[in-house]
PDB file of all heavy atoms in Angstrom:
ATOM      1  N   ILE A   1      19.879 -58.427 -38.472  1.00  0.00           N
ATOM      2  CA  ILE A   1      21.045 -58.269 -37.597  1.00  0.00           C
ATOM      3  C   ILE A   1      22.296 -58.808 -38.293  1.00  0.00           C
ATOM      4  O   ILE A   1      23.350 -58.172 -38.289  1.00  0.00           O
ATOM      5  CB  ILE A   1      20.828 -58.964 -36.242  1.00  0.00           C
ATOM      6  CG1 ILE A   1      19.681 -58.292 -35.485  1.00  0.00           C
ATOM      7  CG2 ILE A   1      22.118 -58.937 -35.410  1.00  0.00           C
ATOM      8  CD1 ILE A   1      19.198 -59.084 -34.276  1.00  0.00           C
ATOM      9  N   ARG A   2      22.182 -59.997 -38.900  1.00  0.00           N
ATOM     10  CA  ARG A   2      23.340 -60.575 -39.602  1.00  0.00           C
ATOM     11  C   ARG A   2      23.779 -59.672 -40.752  1.00  0.00           C
ATOM     12  O   ARG A   2      24.973 -59.469 -40.976  1.00  0.00           O
ATOM     13  CB  ARG A   2      23.021 -61.973 -40.146  1.00  0.00           C
ATOM     14  CG  ARG A   2      22.909 -63.034 -39.085  1.00  0.00           C
ATOM     15  CD  ARG A   2      24.185 -63.233 -38.313  1.00  0.00           C
ATOM     16  NE  ARG A   2      25.134 -64.000 -39.096  1.00  0.00           N
ATOM     17  CZ  ARG A   2      26.399 -64.198 -38.761  1.00  0.00           C
ATOM     18  NH1 ARG A   2      26.866 -63.695 -37.653  1.00  0.00           N
ATOM     19  NH2 ARG A   2      27.187 -64.899 -39.517  1.00  0.00           N
ATOM     20  N   THR A   3      22.815 -59.128 -41.485  1.00  0.00           N
ATOM     21  CA  THR A   3      23.136 -58.241 -42.604  1.00  0.00           C
ATOM     22  C   THR A   3      23.883 -57.015 -42.105  1.00  0.00           C
ATOM     23  O   THR A   3      24.872 -56.589 -42.720  1.00  0.00           O
ATOM     24  CB  THR A   3      21.855 -57.833 -43.352  1.00  0.00           C
ATOM     25  OG1 THR A   3      21.209 -59.014 -43.837  1.00  0.00           O
ATOM     26  CG2 THR A   3      22.165 -56.921 -44.528  1.00  0.00           C
ATOM     27  N   LEU A   4      23.438 -56.445 -41.003  1.00  0.00           N
ATOM     28  CA  LEU A   4      24.146 -55.301 -40.424  1.00  0.00           C
ATOM     29  C   LEU A   4      25.571 -55.687 -40.038  1.00  0.00           C
ATOM     30  O   LEU A   4      26.518 -54.937 -40.305  1.00  0.00           O
ATOM     31  CB  LEU A   4      23.398 -54.775 -39.198  1.00  0.00           C
ATOM     32  CG  LEU A   4      22.136 -53.974 -39.478  1.00  0.00           C
ATOM     33  CD1 LEU A   4      21.325 -53.793 -38.202  1.00  0.00           C
ATOM     34  CD2 LEU A   4      22.482 -52.627 -40.098  1.00  0.00           C
ATOM     35  N   GLN A   5      25.741 -56.851 -39.445  1.00  0.00           N
ATOM     36  CA  GLN A   5      27.081 -57.293 -39.050  1.00  0.00           C
ATOM     37  C   GLN A   5      27.975 -57.469 -40.276  1.00  0.00           C
ATOM     38  O   GLN A   5      29.125 -57.039 -40.273  1.00  0.00           O
ATOM     39  CB  GLN A   5      27.002 -58.595 -38.258  1.00  0.00           C
ATOM     40  CG  GLN A   5      26.423 -58.414 -36.876  1.00  0.00           C
ATOM     41  CD  GLN A   5      26.276 -59.725 -36.118  1.00  0.00           C
ATOM     42  OE1 GLN A   5      26.070 -60.781 -36.710  1.00  0.00           O
ATOM     43  NE2 GLN A   5      26.374 -59.655 -34.802  1.00  0.00           N
ATOM     44  N   TRP A   6      27.445 -58.117 -41.305  1.00  0.00           N
ATOM     45  CA  TRP A   6      28.244 -58.349 -42.514  1.00  0.00           C
ATOM     46  C   TRP A   6      28.517 -57.058 -43.268  1.00  0.00           C
ATOM     47  O   TRP A   6      29.521 -56.946 -43.954  1.00  0.00           O
ATOM     48  CB  TRP A   6      27.549 -59.338 -43.445  1.00  0.00           C
ATOM     49  CG  TRP A   6      27.510 -60.737 -42.934  1.00  0.00           C
ATOM     50  CD1 TRP A   6      28.442 -61.370 -42.167  1.00  0.00           C
ATOM     51  CD2 TRP A   6      26.474 -61.692 -43.154  1.00  0.00           C
ATOM     52  NE1 TRP A   6      28.053 -62.657 -41.895  1.00  0.00           N
ATOM     53  CE2 TRP A   6      26.849 -62.884 -42.496  1.00  0.00           C
ATOM     54  CE3 TRP A   6      25.273 -61.657 -43.844  1.00  0.00           C
ATOM     55  CZ2 TRP A   6      26.066 -64.025 -42.514  1.00  0.00           C
ATOM     56  CZ3 TRP A   6      24.484 -62.799 -43.851  1.00  0.00           C
ATOM     57  CH2 TRP A   6      24.883 -63.966 -43.198  1.00  0.00           C
ATOM     58  N   GLY A   7      27.627 -56.092 -43.134  1.00  0.00           N
ATOM     59  CA  GLY A   7      27.762 -54.834 -43.861  1.00  0.00           C
ATOM     60  C   GLY A   7      28.620 -53.804 -43.153  1.00  0.00           C
ATOM     61  O   GLY A   7      28.620 -52.646 -43.531  1.00  0.00           O
ATOM     62  N   GLY A   8      29.319 -54.200 -42.122  1.00  0.00           N
ATOM     63  CA  GLY A   8      30.217 -53.288 -41.450  1.00  0.00           C
ATOM     64  C   GLY A   8      29.666 -52.721 -40.154  1.00  0.00           C
ATOM     65  O   GLY A   8      30.308 -51.889 -39.517  1.00  0.00           O
ATOM     66  N   GLY A   9      28.458 -53.125 -39.772  1.00  0.00           N
ATOM     67  CA  GLY A   9      27.928 -52.734 -38.476  1.00  0.00           C
ATOM     68  C   GLY A   9      27.004 -51.548 -38.465  1.00  0.00           C
ATOM     69  O   GLY A   9      26.361 -51.293 -37.456  1.00  0.00           O
ATOM     70  N   ILE A  10      26.912 -50.805 -39.555  1.00  0.00           N
ATOM     71  CA  ILE A  10      26.011 -49.662 -39.585  1.00  0.00           C
ATOM     72  C   ILE A  10      25.552 -49.428 -41.030  1.00  0.00           C
ATOM     73  O   ILE A  10      26.352 -49.526 -41.954  1.00  0.00           O
ATOM     74  CB  ILE A  10      26.671 -48.406 -38.982  1.00  0.00           C
ATOM     75  CG1 ILE A  10      25.647 -47.303 -38.775  1.00  0.00           C
ATOM     76  CG2 ILE A  10      27.847 -47.951 -39.796  1.00  0.00           C
ATOM     77  CD1 ILE A  10      26.141 -46.177 -37.874  1.00  0.00           C
ATOM     78  N   MET A  11      24.261 -49.196 -41.179  1.00  0.00           N
ATOM     79  CA  MET A  11      23.675 -48.941 -42.503  1.00  0.00           C
ATOM     80  C   MET A  11      22.513 -47.979 -42.348  1.00  0.00           C
ATOM     81  O   MET A  11      21.924 -47.889 -41.272  1.00  0.00           O
ATOM     82  CB  MET A  11      23.107 -50.226 -43.111  1.00  0.00           C
ATOM     83  CG  MET A  11      24.067 -51.256 -43.510  1.00  0.00           C
ATOM     84  SD  MET A  11      23.143 -52.644 -44.222  1.00  0.00           S
ATOM     85  CE  MET A  11      24.470 -53.533 -44.942  1.00  0.00           C
ATOM     86  N   THR A  12      22.180 -47.326 -43.442  1.00  0.00           N
ATOM     87  CA  THR A  12      20.958 -46.533 -43.436  1.00  0.00           C
ATOM     88  C   THR A  12      19.775 -47.488 -43.560  1.00  0.00           C
ATOM     89  O   THR A  12      19.934 -48.641 -43.970  1.00  0.00           O
ATOM     90  CB  THR A  12      20.909 -45.535 -44.601  1.00  0.00           C
ATOM     91  OG1 THR A  12      20.839 -46.259 -45.833  1.00  0.00           O
ATOM     92  CG2 THR A  12      22.115 -44.596 -44.594  1.00  0.00           C
ATOM     93  N   MET A  13      18.604 -46.996 -43.220  1.00  0.00           N
ATOM     94  CA  MET A  13      17.391 -47.803 -43.360  1.00  0.00           C
ATOM     95  C   MET A  13      17.219 -48.228 -44.813  1.00  0.00           C
ATOM     96  O   MET A  13      16.846 -49.361 -45.087  1.00  0.00           O
ATOM     97  CB  MET A  13      16.167 -47.000 -42.907  1.00  0.00           C
ATOM     98  CG  MET A  13      16.152 -46.666 -41.447  1.00  0.00           C
ATOM     99  SD  MET A  13      15.347 -47.898 -40.455  1.00  0.00           S
ATOM    100  CE  MET A  13      13.649 -47.593 -40.825  1.00  0.00           C
ATOM    101  N   SER A  14      17.498 -47.305 -45.737  1.00  0.00           N
ATOM    102  CA  SER A  14      17.344 -47.612 -47.166  1.00  0.00           C
ATOM    103  C   SER A  14      18.299 -48.707 -47.608  1.00  0.00           C
ATOM    104  O   SER A  14      17.926 -49.602 -48.368  1.00  0.00           O
ATOM    105  CB  SER A  14      17.571 -46.361 -48.020  1.00  0.00           C
ATOM    106  OG  SER A  14      16.599 -45.393 -47.725  1.00  0.00           O
ATOM    107  N   GLU A  15      19.551 -48.638 -47.154  1.00  0.00           N
ATOM    108  CA  GLU A  15      20.530 -49.670 -47.508  1.00  0.00           C
ATOM    109  C   GLU A  15      20.093 -51.027 -46.978  1.00  0.00           C
ATOM    110  O   GLU A  15      20.136 -52.026 -47.704  1.00  0.00           O
ATOM    111  CB  GLU A  15      21.909 -49.314 -46.947  1.00  0.00           C
ATOM    112  CG  GLU A  15      22.562 -48.135 -47.609  1.00  0.00           C
ATOM    113  CD  GLU A  15      23.774 -47.621 -46.848  1.00  0.00           C
ATOM    114  OE1 GLU A  15      23.947 -47.949 -45.656  1.00  0.00           O
ATOM    115  OE2 GLU A  15      24.557 -46.877 -47.467  1.00  0.00           O
ATOM    116  N   LEU A  16      19.662 -51.064 -45.730  1.00  0.00           N
ATOM    117  CA  LEU A  16      19.234 -52.324 -45.133  1.00  0.00           C
ATOM    118  C   LEU A  16      18.015 -52.881 -45.866  1.00  0.00           C
ATOM    119  O   LEU A  16      17.945 -54.078 -46.141  1.00  0.00           O
ATOM    120  CB  LEU A  16      18.940 -52.138 -43.643  1.00  0.00           C
ATOM    121  CG  LEU A  16      18.646 -53.387 -42.837  1.00  0.00           C
ATOM    122  CD1 LEU A  16      19.777 -54.409 -42.938  1.00  0.00           C
ATOM    123  CD2 LEU A  16      18.396 -53.019 -41.377  1.00  0.00           C
ATOM    124  N   ALA A  17      17.083 -52.022 -46.226  1.00  0.00           N
ATOM    125  CA  ALA A  17      15.898 -52.450 -46.973  1.00  0.00           C
ATOM    126  C   ALA A  17      16.296 -53.006 -48.335  1.00  0.00           C
ATOM    127  O   ALA A  17      15.769 -54.032 -48.776  1.00  0.00           O
ATOM    128  CB  ALA A  17      14.924 -51.288 -47.137  1.00  0.00           C
ATOM    129  N   GLU A  18      17.254 -52.353 -48.969  1.00  0.00           N
ATOM    130  CA  GLU A  18      17.698 -52.810 -50.287  1.00  0.00           C
ATOM    131  C   GLU A  18      18.385 -54.172 -50.196  1.00  0.00           C
ATOM    132  O   GLU A  18      18.113 -55.072 -50.985  1.00  0.00           O
ATOM    133  CB  GLU A  18      18.642 -51.770 -50.895  1.00  0.00           C
ATOM    134  CG  GLU A  18      18.919 -52.012 -52.365  1.00  0.00           C
ATOM    135  CD  GLU A  18      19.708 -50.879 -52.999  1.00  0.00           C
ATOM    136  OE1 GLU A  18      19.925 -49.830 -52.360  1.00  0.00           O
ATOM    137  OE2 GLU A  18      20.128 -51.058 -54.159  1.00  0.00           O
ATOM    138  N   TYR A  19      19.284 -54.339 -49.225  1.00  0.00           N
ATOM    139  CA  TYR A  19      19.978 -55.612 -49.061  1.00  0.00           C
ATOM    140  C   TYR A  19      19.029 -56.756 -48.757  1.00  0.00           C
ATOM    141  O   TYR A  19      19.203 -57.863 -49.231  1.00  0.00           O
ATOM    142  CB  TYR A  19      21.019 -55.531 -47.944  1.00  0.00           C
ATOM    143  CG  TYR A  19      22.340 -54.961 -48.373  1.00  0.00           C
ATOM    144  CD1 TYR A  19      22.800 -53.784 -47.819  1.00  0.00           C
ATOM    145  CD2 TYR A  19      23.129 -55.606 -49.311  1.00  0.00           C
ATOM    146  CE1 TYR A  19      24.020 -53.253 -48.202  1.00  0.00           C
ATOM    147  CE2 TYR A  19      24.349 -55.075 -49.698  1.00  0.00           C
ATOM    148  CZ  TYR A  19      24.783 -53.904 -49.140  1.00  0.00           C
ATOM    149  OH  TYR A  19      25.980 -53.388 -49.516  1.00  0.00           O
ATOM    150  N   THR A  20      18.044 -56.492 -47.917  1.00  0.00           N
ATOM    151  CA  THR A  20      17.137 -57.553 -47.500  1.00  0.00           C
ATOM    152  C   THR A  20      15.946 -57.703 -48.436  1.00  0.00           C
ATOM    153  O   THR A  20      15.097 -58.561 -48.216  1.00  0.00           O
ATOM    154  CB  THR A  20      16.629 -57.294 -46.065  1.00  0.00           C
ATOM    155  OG1 THR A  20      15.975 -56.032 -46.026  1.00  0.00           O
ATOM    156  CG2 THR A  20      17.764 -57.351 -45.063  1.00  0.00           C
ATOM    157  N   LYS A  21      15.910 -56.852 -49.449  1.00  0.00           N
ATOM    158  CA  LYS A  21      14.830 -56.869 -50.453  1.00  0.00           C
ATOM    159  C   LYS A  21      13.462 -56.683 -49.791  1.00  0.00           C
ATOM    160  O   LYS A  21      12.490 -57.335 -50.126  1.00  0.00           O
ATOM    161  CB  LYS A  21      14.876 -58.144 -51.278  1.00  0.00           C
ATOM    162  CG  LYS A  21      16.226 -58.366 -51.937  1.00  0.00           C
ATOM    163  CD  LYS A  21      16.092 -59.000 -53.276  1.00  0.00           C
ATOM    164  CE  LYS A  21      17.396 -59.317 -53.939  1.00  0.00           C
ATOM    165  NZ  LYS A  21      18.388 -58.348 -54.013  1.00  0.00           N
ATOM    166  N   MET A  22      13.426 -55.764 -48.823  1.00  0.00           N
ATOM    167  CA  MET A  22      12.177 -55.413 -48.148  1.00  0.00           C
ATOM    168  C   MET A  22      11.754 -54.020 -48.582  1.00  0.00           C
ATOM    169  O   MET A  22      12.608 -53.176 -48.874  1.00  0.00           O
ATOM    170  CB  MET A  22      12.365 -55.370 -46.624  1.00  0.00           C
ATOM    171  CG  MET A  22      12.459 -56.674 -45.943  1.00  0.00           C
ATOM    172  SD  MET A  22      12.582 -56.338 -44.169  1.00  0.00           S
ATOM    173  CE  MET A  22      11.875 -57.811 -43.538  1.00  0.00           C
ATOM    174  N   GLN A  23      10.477 -53.787 -48.573  1.00  0.00           N
ATOM    175  CA  GLN A  23       9.984 -52.438 -48.820  1.00  0.00           C
ATOM    176  C   GLN A  23      10.365 -51.582 -47.617  1.00  0.00           C
ATOM    177  O   GLN A  23      10.459 -52.071 -46.492  1.00  0.00           O
ATOM    178  CB  GLN A  23       8.477 -52.446 -48.994  1.00  0.00           C
ATOM    179  CG  GLN A  23       8.022 -53.191 -50.226  1.00  0.00           C
ATOM    180  CD  GLN A  23       6.503 -53.219 -50.325  1.00  0.00           C
ATOM    181  OE1 GLN A  23       5.783 -52.793 -49.434  1.00  0.00           O
ATOM    182  NE2 GLN A  23       6.015 -53.726 -51.430  1.00  0.00           N
ATOM    183  N   LYS A  24      10.565 -50.287 -47.862  1.00  0.00           N
ATOM    184  CA  LYS A  24      10.998 -49.393 -46.783  1.00  0.00           C
ATOM    185  C   LYS A  24       9.991 -49.369 -45.633  1.00  0.00           C
ATOM    186  O   LYS A  24      10.381 -49.300 -44.470  1.00  0.00           O
ATOM    187  CB  LYS A  24      11.237 -47.992 -47.322  1.00  0.00           C
ATOM    188  CG  LYS A  24      12.477 -47.907 -48.181  1.00  0.00           C
ATOM    189  CD  LYS A  24      12.725 -46.511 -48.673  1.00  0.00           C
ATOM    190  CE  LYS A  24      13.893 -46.503 -49.638  1.00  0.00           C
ATOM    191  NZ  LYS A  24      14.143 -45.175 -50.185  1.00  0.00           N
ATOM    192  N   GLN A  25       8.693 -49.457 -45.953  1.00  0.00           N
ATOM    193  CA  GLN A  25       7.674 -49.458 -44.900  1.00  0.00           C
ATOM    194  C   GLN A  25       7.820 -50.705 -44.025  1.00  0.00           C
ATOM    195  O   GLN A  25       7.707 -50.630 -42.804  1.00  0.00           O
ATOM    196  CB  GLN A  25       6.254 -49.416 -45.501  1.00  0.00           C
ATOM    197  CG  GLN A  25       5.965 -48.185 -46.313  1.00  0.00           C
ATOM    198  CD  GLN A  25       6.433 -48.296 -47.768  1.00  0.00           C
ATOM    199  OE1 GLN A  25       7.131 -49.224 -48.162  1.00  0.00           O
ATOM    200  NE2 GLN A  25       6.073 -47.316 -48.571  1.00  0.00           N
ATOM    201  N   GLN A  26       8.069 -51.847 -44.656  1.00  0.00           N
ATOM    202  CA  GLN A  26       8.288 -53.095 -43.912  1.00  0.00           C
ATOM    203  C   GLN A  26       9.537 -52.982 -43.052  1.00  0.00           C
ATOM    204  O   GLN A  26       9.566 -53.445 -41.918  1.00  0.00           O
ATOM    205  CB  GLN A  26       8.471 -54.268 -44.874  1.00  0.00           C
ATOM    206  CG  GLN A  26       7.237 -54.968 -45.296  1.00  0.00           C
ATOM    207  CD  GLN A  26       7.629 -56.184 -46.142  1.00  0.00           C
ATOM    208  OE1 GLN A  26       8.220 -56.054 -47.205  1.00  0.00           O
ATOM    209  NE2 GLN A  26       7.295 -57.355 -45.645  1.00  0.00           N
ATOM    210  N   MET A  27      10.583 -52.384 -43.625  1.00  0.00           N
ATOM    211  CA  MET A  27      11.840 -52.247 -42.894  1.00  0.00           C
ATOM    212  C   MET A  27      11.648 -51.353 -41.679  1.00  0.00           C
ATOM    213  O   MET A  27      12.191 -51.636 -40.606  1.00  0.00           O
ATOM    214  CB  MET A  27      12.943 -51.686 -43.807  1.00  0.00           C
ATOM    215  CG  MET A  27      14.293 -51.565 -43.121  1.00  0.00           C
ATOM    216  SD  MET A  27      14.886 -53.090 -42.311  1.00  0.00           S
ATOM    217  CE  MET A  27      15.027 -54.195 -43.700  1.00  0.00           C
ATOM    218  N   THR A  28      10.853 -50.310 -41.815  1.00  0.00           N
ATOM    219  CA  THR A  28      10.586 -49.434 -40.673  1.00  0.00           C
ATOM    220  C   THR A  28       9.925 -50.225 -39.546  1.00  0.00           C
ATOM    221  O   THR A  28      10.322 -50.107 -38.379  1.00  0.00           O
ATOM    222  CB  THR A  28       9.695 -48.247 -41.096  1.00  0.00           C
ATOM    223  OG1 THR A  28      10.384 -47.489 -42.099  1.00  0.00           O
ATOM    224  CG2 THR A  28       9.362 -47.354 -39.914  1.00  0.00           C
ATOM    225  N   GLN A  29       8.962 -51.057 -39.880  1.00  0.00           N
ATOM    226  CA  GLN A  29       8.299 -51.886 -38.871  1.00  0.00           C
ATOM    227  C   GLN A  29       9.283 -52.876 -38.246  1.00  0.00           C
ATOM    228  O   GLN A  29       9.276 -53.094 -37.032  1.00  0.00           O
ATOM    229  CB  GLN A  29       7.117 -52.629 -39.491  1.00  0.00           C
ATOM    230  CG  GLN A  29       5.992 -51.721 -39.898  1.00  0.00           C
ATOM    231  CD  GLN A  29       4.898 -52.444 -40.683  1.00  0.00           C
ATOM    232  OE1 GLN A  29       5.021 -53.625 -41.008  1.00  0.00           O
ATOM    233  NE2 GLN A  29       3.826 -51.735 -40.987  1.00  0.00           N
ATOM    234  N   MET A  30      10.125 -53.467 -39.085  1.00  0.00           N
ATOM    235  CA  MET A  30      11.118 -54.430 -38.598  1.00  0.00           C
ATOM    236  C   MET A  30      12.092 -53.752 -37.638  1.00  0.00           C
ATOM    237  O   MET A  30      12.388 -54.268 -36.560  1.00  0.00           O
ATOM    238  CB  MET A  30      11.880 -55.020 -39.782  1.00  0.00           C
ATOM    239  CG  MET A  30      13.007 -55.944 -39.398  1.00  0.00           C
ATOM    240  SD  MET A  30      12.449 -57.546 -38.919  1.00  0.00           S
ATOM    241  CE  MET A  30      11.600 -58.032 -40.399  1.00  0.00           C
ATOM    242  N   VAL A  31      12.578 -52.586 -38.029  1.00  0.00           N
ATOM    243  CA  VAL A  31      13.528 -51.860 -37.183  1.00  0.00           C
ATOM    244  C   VAL A  31      12.854 -51.435 -35.882  1.00  0.00           C
ATOM    245  O   VAL A  31      13.466 -51.504 -34.812  1.00  0.00           O
ATOM    246  CB  VAL A  31      14.149 -50.667 -37.945  1.00  0.00           C
ATOM    247  CG1 VAL A  31      14.908 -49.741 -36.999  1.00  0.00           C
ATOM    248  CG2 VAL A  31      15.077 -51.175 -39.050  1.00  0.00           C
ATOM    249  N   ASN A  32      11.597 -51.038 -35.945  1.00  0.00           N
ATOM    250  CA  ASN A  32      10.868 -50.688 -34.720  1.00  0.00           C
ATOM    251  C   ASN A  32      10.857 -51.872 -33.754  1.00  0.00           C
ATOM    252  O   ASN A  32      11.087 -51.702 -32.553  1.00  0.00           O
ATOM    253  CB  ASN A  32       9.437 -50.261 -35.024  1.00  0.00           C
ATOM    254  CG  ASN A  32       9.355 -48.880 -35.645  1.00  0.00           C
ATOM    255  OD1 ASN A  32      10.301 -48.084 -35.561  1.00  0.00           O
ATOM    256  ND2 ASN A  32       8.239 -48.584 -36.274  1.00  0.00           N
ATOM    257  N   ARG A  33      10.602 -53.072 -34.268  1.00  0.00           N
ATOM    258  CA  ARG A  33      10.602 -54.263 -33.411  1.00  0.00           C
ATOM    259  C   ARG A  33      11.998 -54.550 -32.867  1.00  0.00           C
ATOM    260  O   ARG A  33      12.158 -54.937 -31.703  1.00  0.00           O
ATOM    261  CB  ARG A  33      10.046 -55.469 -34.179  1.00  0.00           C
ATOM    262  CG  ARG A  33       8.561 -55.329 -34.469  1.00  0.00           C
ATOM    263  CD  ARG A  33       7.884 -56.611 -34.903  1.00  0.00           C
ATOM    264  NE  ARG A  33       8.652 -57.501 -35.726  1.00  0.00           N
ATOM    265  CZ  ARG A  33       8.389 -57.789 -37.005  1.00  0.00           C
ATOM    266  NH1 ARG A  33       7.360 -57.258 -37.615  1.00  0.00           N
ATOM    267  NH2 ARG A  33       9.140 -58.630 -37.662  1.00  0.00           N
ATOM    268  N   LEU A  34      13.003 -54.374 -33.706  1.00  0.00           N
ATOM    269  CA  LEU A  34      14.386 -54.593 -33.258  1.00  0.00           C
ATOM    270  C   LEU A  34      14.783 -53.575 -32.185  1.00  0.00           C
ATOM    271  O   LEU A  34      15.485 -53.921 -31.230  1.00  0.00           O
ATOM    272  CB  LEU A  34      15.348 -54.529 -34.447  1.00  0.00           C
ATOM    273  CG  LEU A  34      15.307 -55.726 -35.394  1.00  0.00           C
ATOM    274  CD1 LEU A  34      16.001 -55.401 -36.713  1.00  0.00           C
ATOM    275  CD2 LEU A  34      15.930 -56.948 -34.752  1.00  0.00           C
TER     276      LEU A  34
END
């Protein structure tokens, strides 16, 4: 959430995964929970 806020409020899943150094599969699970 903080990364999205600092990044201007909107990002693609790939961008968010890259910033947080998460694998895309992990990011998908994280976003599902969010």
